[in-house]
């Protein structure tokens, strides 16, 4: 754990430029989000929970 919580993290600063150059396209992210929502709705899972029959 760093001695100062607000100290810059060199690993983070090395990662951020890579992430910015390899960012995913917004339309692809939106499509994936809609697909995950569709799968959740098919399963009947709402608000992060599971049906009681499967939870037990």
Protein backbone atom coordinates (compact mmCIF):
# COMPACT_ATOMS: atom_id res chain seq x y z
CA UNK A 1 0.00 0.00 0.00
CA UNK A 2 1.41 3.40 -0.92
CA UNK A 3 2.53 5.61 1.93
CA UNK A 4 0.50 8.50 0.52
CA UNK A 5 -2.92 7.67 -0.90
CA UNK A 6 -2.80 10.65 -3.28
CA UNK A 7 0.66 9.86 -4.64
CA UNK A 8 0.72 9.24 -8.42
CA UNK A 9 0.80 5.58 -9.36
CA UNK A 10 3.36 4.89 -12.13
CA UNK A 11 1.57 1.73 -13.26
CA UNK A 12 -1.68 3.64 -13.64
CA UNK A 13 0.01 6.42 -15.58
CA UNK A 14 1.59 3.85 -17.88
CA UNK A 15 -1.77 2.14 -18.43
CA UNK A 16 -3.90 5.22 -19.14
CA UNK A 17 -2.32 6.14 -22.52
CA UNK A 18 -2.69 2.51 -23.65
CA UNK A 19 -6.34 2.50 -22.62
CA UNK A 20 -6.99 5.76 -24.44
CA UNK A 21 -5.43 4.51 -27.68
CA UNK A 22 -7.25 1.16 -27.41
CA UNK A 23 -10.63 2.54 -26.40
CA UNK A 24 -13.66 0.64 -27.59
CA UNK A 25 -16.07 2.24 -30.00
CA UNK A 26 -19.14 3.75 -28.28
CA UNK A 27 -21.55 1.98 -30.62
CA UNK A 28 -19.96 -1.39 -29.79
CA UNK A 29 -20.19 -0.69 -26.05
CA UNK A 30 -23.85 0.33 -26.41
CA UNK A 31 -24.63 -2.85 -28.36
CA UNK A 32 -22.97 -5.02 -25.70
CA UNK A 33 -24.88 -3.22 -22.96
CA UNK A 34 -28.20 -3.80 -24.76
CA UNK A 35 -27.33 -7.46 -25.32
CA UNK A 36 -26.55 -8.00 -21.63
CA UNK A 37 -29.84 -6.31 -20.69
CA UNK A 38 -31.72 -8.56 -23.13
CA UNK A 39 -30.15 -11.69 -21.62
CA UNK A 40 -30.96 -10.48 -18.10
CA UNK A 41 -34.58 -9.85 -19.05
CA UNK A 42 -34.87 -13.32 -20.60
CA UNK A 43 -33.62 -14.83 -17.35
CA UNK A 44 -36.05 -12.73 -15.33
CA UNK A 45 -33.27 -11.16 -13.28
CA UNK A 46 -33.99 -7.61 -12.19
CA UNK A 47 -32.04 -5.17 -9.99
CA UNK A 48 -29.11 -7.56 -9.60
CA UNK A 49 -31.00 -10.35 -7.85
CA UNK A 50 -32.03 -13.88 -8.73
CA UNK A 51 -35.47 -15.48 -8.49
CA UNK A 52 -36.07 -17.02 -5.06
CA UNK A 53 -36.46 -20.53 -6.49
CA UNK A 54 -32.90 -20.44 -7.88
CA UNK A 55 -31.34 -18.56 -4.94
CA UNK A 56 -32.00 -21.34 -2.42
